[in-house]
Every structure is written in C-alpha cells, then in structure tokens.
Protein backbone atom coordinates (compact mmCIF):
# COMPACT_ATOMS: atom_id res chain seq x y z
CA MET A 1 -28.90 -46.74 -1.38
CA ARG A 2 -26.01 -47.81 -3.66
CA TYR A 3 -25.50 -43.92 -4.99
CA LEU A 4 -25.69 -42.62 -1.41
CA THR A 5 -23.21 -44.92 -0.03
CA THR A 6 -20.75 -43.95 -3.12
CA LEU A 7 -21.76 -40.60 -2.53
CA ILE A 8 -20.69 -40.84 1.22
CA ILE A 9 -17.69 -42.44 0.98
CA ALA A 10 -16.41 -40.04 -1.97
CA ILE A 11 -17.20 -36.89 0.53
CA THR A 12 -15.25 -38.57 3.17
CA VAL A 13 -12.54 -39.21 1.01
CA ALA A 14 -12.16 -35.84 -0.24
CA THR A 15 -12.65 -34.33 3.51
CA GLY A 16 -9.46 -36.41 4.47
CA ALA A 17 -7.58 -35.64 1.49
CA PHE A 18 -8.02 -31.74 1.96
CA ALA A 19 -7.49 -32.25 5.60
CA GLN A 20 -3.79 -33.62 4.85
CA ILE A 21 -3.40 -30.73 2.00
CA GLU A 22 -4.00 -27.99 4.86
CA GLN A 23 -1.72 -27.76 7.34
CA PRO A 24 -2.57 -25.37 10.35
CA ARG A 25 -0.32 -22.62 11.62
CA ARG A 26 -0.33 -20.62 14.60
CA ILE A 27 2.16 -18.26 13.97
CA LEU A 28 2.26 -14.16 15.42
CA GLU A 29 4.92 -11.93 14.17
CA VAL A 30 5.55 -8.12 14.98
CA GLY A 31 7.43 -5.61 13.14
CA VAL A 32 8.62 -2.53 11.90
CA ALA A 33 9.65 -1.42 8.47
CA GLY A 34 10.45 1.63 6.90
CA GLY A 35 11.51 3.33 3.27
CA LEU A 36 11.00 5.67 0.43
CA ASN A 37 8.10 6.83 -1.14
CA LEU A 38 7.62 8.17 -4.77
CA SER A 39 4.25 9.54 -5.41
CA GLN A 40 1.99 11.60 -7.55
CA MET A 41 -1.79 12.68 -7.82
CA ASP A 42 -3.96 11.34 -10.12
CA LEU A 43 -5.57 14.68 -11.68
CA GLN A 44 -8.54 15.66 -13.51
CA PRO A 45 -7.32 18.22 -15.31
CA GLN A 46 -4.17 16.62 -16.01
CA VAL A 47 -0.91 18.23 -14.29
CA ARG A 48 2.36 17.55 -15.57
CA GLN A 49 4.09 15.58 -12.60
CA THR A 50 7.50 14.16 -11.62
CA LEU A 51 7.48 11.77 -8.54
CA LEU A 52 7.50 13.56 -5.39
CA LYS A 53 10.15 11.82 -2.86
CA GLY A 54 8.77 10.92 0.62
CA ILE A 55 9.42 8.72 3.51
CA ASN A 56 7.21 5.99 5.30
CA GLY A 57 7.43 3.87 8.55
CA GLY A 58 5.33 1.92 11.06
CA ILE A 59 4.81 -1.08 12.78
CA SER A 60 2.85 -4.65 11.91
CA ALA A 61 1.48 -7.95 12.85
CA ARG A 62 1.28 -10.94 11.29
CA TYR A 63 -0.92 -13.61 11.88
CA THR A 64 -0.13 -16.78 9.76
CA SER A 65 -3.18 -19.59 10.18
CA GLU A 66 -2.16 -22.20 7.78
CA LYS A 67 -0.31 -23.76 4.86
CA TYR A 68 -2.16 -25.12 1.51
CA PHE A 69 -0.28 -27.12 -0.52
CA SER A 70 3.22 -24.72 -0.81
CA MET A 71 1.63 -21.43 -0.04
CA ILE A 72 1.58 -20.17 3.39
CA CYS A 73 -1.22 -18.00 4.05
CA ALA A 74 -1.49 -15.00 6.59
CA ALA A 75 -3.54 -11.92 7.56
CA GLN A 76 -1.17 -8.81 7.74
CA LEU A 77 -2.28 -5.26 9.43
CA GLU A 78 0.02 -2.43 9.60
CA VAL A 79 0.20 1.28 11.30
CA ASN A 80 2.37 3.55 9.08
CA PHE A 81 3.41 7.14 8.55
CA SER A 82 3.45 8.29 5.32
CA GLN A 83 4.96 11.46 3.02
CA ARG A 84 2.59 11.36 -0.26
CA GLY A 85 1.79 14.18 -2.43
CA TRP A 86 3.52 15.57 -5.95
CA GLU A 87 5.48 17.34 -7.93
CA GLU A 88 4.95 19.63 -10.67
CA GLU A 89 6.59 19.68 -13.76
CA PHE A 90 7.59 22.77 -16.04
CA ASP A 91 8.92 23.26 -19.15
CA GLU A 92 12.45 23.80 -19.46
CA ASN A 93 12.80 27.34 -19.94
CA LEU A 94 10.55 28.13 -17.30
CA PRO A 95 12.03 28.85 -13.48
CA TYR A 96 9.43 27.27 -11.69
CA THR A 97 9.02 24.82 -9.12
CA PHE A 98 6.30 23.53 -7.04
CA ASN A 99 5.64 20.70 -4.95
CA ARG A 100 2.88 19.46 -2.22
CA THR A 101 3.37 16.85 0.67
CA LEU A 102 0.59 15.31 2.22
CA ASN A 103 1.40 13.56 5.38
CA TYR A 104 -1.05 10.25 6.31
CA VAL A 105 -1.24 7.77 8.84
CA GLU A 106 -2.41 5.06 6.64
CA ILE A 107 -3.48 1.30 8.07
CA PRO A 108 -3.20 -1.64 5.33
CA PHE A 109 -4.80 -4.81 5.85
CA MET A 110 -3.76 -7.15 3.59
CA ALA A 111 -3.67 -10.98 2.65
CA HIS A 112 -0.07 -12.16 3.58
CA LEU A 113 0.88 -15.08 0.74
CA SER A 114 3.97 -16.68 0.56
CA TRP A 115 6.34 -19.41 -0.46
CA GLY A 116 9.40 -20.78 0.50
CA LYS A 117 11.29 -22.33 3.37
CA GLU A 118 10.24 -22.61 7.11
CA PRO A 119 10.71 -22.14 9.91
CA ARG A 120 13.85 -20.41 8.79
CA GLY A 121 15.03 -19.81 5.14
CA LEU A 122 14.34 -17.63 2.24
CA GLN A 123 10.59 -16.95 1.55
CA PHE A 124 8.99 -15.03 -1.66
CA PHE A 125 5.77 -13.50 -0.84
CA ILE A 126 3.00 -11.10 -2.06
CA ASN A 127 0.74 -8.51 0.04
CA LEU A 128 -2.93 -7.44 -0.95
CA GLY A 129 -5.74 -5.85 0.55
CA PRO A 130 -7.49 -2.34 1.27
CA GLN A 131 -6.14 0.26 3.13
CA VAL A 132 -7.47 3.67 5.04
CA GLY A 133 -5.36 6.98 5.29
CA PHE A 134 -6.17 10.04 7.59
CA LEU A 135 -4.38 13.14 6.55
CA LEU A 136 -2.11 14.56 9.27
CA SER A 137 -0.97 17.64 7.65
CA ASP A 138 0.09 19.27 4.08
CA SER A 139 2.47 21.53 3.33
CA GLU A 140 3.19 23.79 -0.26
CA GLU A 141 6.55 25.08 -1.80
CA TYR A 142 7.04 27.30 -4.23
CA GLY A 143 9.92 28.18 -6.43
CA GLY A 144 11.17 30.72 -9.33
CA GLY A 145 8.85 33.01 -8.21
CA LEU A 146 5.51 30.87 -9.25
CA VAL A 147 2.35 32.48 -9.13
CA ALA A 148 -1.25 30.83 -9.99
CA GLU A 149 -1.67 34.06 -12.86
CA ASN A 150 1.52 32.58 -14.44
CA ARG A 151 -0.12 29.10 -15.22
CA PRO A 152 -2.85 27.53 -17.33
CA GLU A 153 -6.58 28.67 -16.12
CA SER A 154 -7.47 25.25 -16.01
CA ILE A 155 -4.99 24.39 -13.42
CA ARG A 156 -4.71 27.47 -11.09
CA PRO A 157 -7.16 26.25 -8.36
CA ILE A 158 -4.52 23.69 -7.56
CA TYR A 159 -2.12 26.45 -6.06
CA GLY A 160 -3.22 26.83 -2.45
CA LYS A 161 -6.25 24.87 -2.82
CA GLU A 162 -7.28 23.43 0.62
CA ILE A 163 -7.85 20.02 1.19
CA ASP A 164 -11.44 18.97 1.45
CA LYS A 165 -11.31 15.08 2.16
CA SER A 166 -9.07 14.02 5.15
CA PHE A 167 -9.96 10.20 4.73
CA ASP A 168 -8.33 8.42 2.16
CA TYR A 169 -8.94 4.64 0.78
CA GLY A 170 -7.77 2.43 -1.79
CA ILE A 171 -5.63 -0.78 -2.68
CA VAL A 172 -2.45 -1.73 -2.10
CA GLY A 173 -0.38 -4.50 -3.20
CA GLY A 174 3.30 -5.69 -3.07
CA ALA A 175 6.12 -8.24 -3.55
CA GLY A 176 9.20 -8.82 -1.90
CA LEU A 177 11.93 -11.27 -0.33
CA GLU A 178 12.00 -12.39 3.46
CA LEU A 179 14.92 -14.31 5.01
CA LYS A 180 13.50 -16.06 8.36
CA THR A 181 16.70 -16.37 10.59
CA LYS A 182 17.23 -17.28 14.53
CA ALA A 183 17.88 -13.66 15.06
CA GLY A 184 14.40 -12.46 13.45
CA ASN A 185 13.16 -12.15 10.00
CA PHE A 186 14.52 -9.55 7.68
CA PHE A 187 12.61 -8.79 4.27
CA VAL A 188 12.47 -5.99 1.49
CA GLU A 189 9.41 -5.27 -0.41
CA GLY A 190 8.40 -3.22 -3.73
CA ARG A 191 4.57 -1.97 -2.89
CA TYR A 192 1.76 0.17 -5.26
CA TYR A 193 -1.11 2.22 -3.60
CA TYR A 194 -4.12 3.01 -6.20
CA GLY A 195 -5.91 5.57 -4.16
CA LEU A 196 -9.86 5.25 -5.09
CA SER A 197 -10.80 8.09 -3.09
CA ASP A 198 -10.62 12.11 -3.57
CA ILE A 199 -8.57 14.61 -1.75
CA PHE A 200 -10.72 17.49 -3.81
CA ASN A 201 -14.34 17.75 -4.11
CA ASN A 202 -15.27 16.29 -7.23
CA SER A 203 -18.73 17.27 -8.17
CA LYS A 204 -19.56 18.81 -11.66
CA ILE A 205 -19.33 22.20 -10.41
CA ASP A 206 -15.84 21.54 -8.49
CA ASP A 207 -12.19 22.50 -10.06
CA PHE A 208 -11.09 18.87 -10.22
CA GLY A 209 -12.98 15.49 -11.37
CA ARG A 210 -10.51 13.03 -9.99
CA SER A 211 -7.45 14.04 -7.35
CA ALA A 212 -6.13 10.68 -5.93
CA ASN A 213 -3.11 9.29 -4.47
CA GLN A 214 -0.85 7.08 -6.43
CA VAL A 215 1.99 6.26 -4.41
CA ILE A 216 5.32 3.44 -5.21
CA SER A 217 7.25 2.56 -1.76
CA ILE A 218 10.55 0.85 -1.11
CA ARG A 219 10.57 -0.77 2.52
CA LEU A 220 12.86 -2.44 4.56
CA GLY A 221 11.76 -4.43 7.86
CA TYR A 222 12.52 -6.38 10.51
CA SER A 223 10.24 -8.76 12.44
CA ILE A 224 10.29 -11.48 15.29
CA ARG A 225 7.88 -14.21 16.32
CA ILE A 226 6.07 -13.77 19.77
CA LEU A 227 3.88 -16.65 19.28
C-alpha cells in the first residue's frame, strides 16, 4: 500500500510538472511565399547536369498548438506552384544545350518548430514533413543542333521521352528566420526536397532505374494572424 501511495503521488507530481512545461497556443496564420528553385534530376544511368533555375510560389496555413520548454510547435500546410527539372551539362567543346522544365502543383504538410521571441520579435524555425506533387505540364529546350543520335546510347532515351508518372512524392525540409511584427510576419527560408518517386517507369526492362526530383528552394514570405 505504501508503494502504491508513493507511485500515485509521483504520477500526480509528474503530470503537474508536464502541464506547467506545456503551454497551450491557439494561433492560426495564413500567408503567401515565393522564390527561386534550383533543381536537378537523380537519374540512373547518370546524366551530367547543372542546376536548372525555376520559380516557386503559393499560399500557406499554419496552426500553432503549444509551446514545450522553449520550442513552439505548429503544423503547416501549403499549396505551391513549382518549376523543377534539369539542365544537361556538356563538354566545353560541344555547342549543345538541353533542359527540361516540369511544372508541378505541390502540397507539403510539415511540422513547423520555432524558437525565439513571441508574440513579436525574431524567431528561428525548421520545417520538416512529407510532400506530394501533381505534374501540370513539361517542356524541353534544345540548342546547338542537338539530336539524340549524337549522344551516348545509354542516355539517348531521355530526349523527348514522355513522362510516365504525373504523381510525385517525397520529403521536404528547411530552415529560416521569421520576424513577427504588428504589421504581420516576414520570413526567409531555405529548403531541400528529396523525391522518393520516379517520373519514368523503372522496371528492369525500362530505360532508367531512377528518375527522381531534387530541389533546393529559396523563399521569401509574409503571413498574418487570423485567430
């Protein structure tokens, strides 16, 4: 009986301590953001590439639920337009140029964790979570008289190849700074998206064993609190 009483007291004290540590928040913010994409494709067989420049932009909603110690915990949902793809790198003595742009609607759902001053002031934050995307359109640009017959046999199929899979998914993560003011919240963020799906079929009889999006993004944004 003595041990049971001791256990009940310990649980009661611990519950009270955690209740004091966890500070509820009920904050809903909506915003807009946009910036620059630097992308390439993880291809097997490998194709030499440089980073393709594109744009990104969209809307977001963030719900902050609690503060735990110094960490402010929130969930963030976005809907973005994103230009991805790749630009092939050729030997200096070749006049060729080639790039392919893939236009997506992407939907990341991320944990948003931040540290810093509130309700106004500077905060550091990280975002991490899954992301899905839907291909809207794609285009290719050839230059210097490039034709597939002039390229190594292993990568010839990539020129003019139709996209097999319009649904894309992967993991996205980023970090940045956010300044919260009376006029709203201003933030800058760097992100990296690692694709887990392929845009081409990847069975043993297909041309490519892997063809996944890889994207670095630099974003500027603004949000306001509505709740």
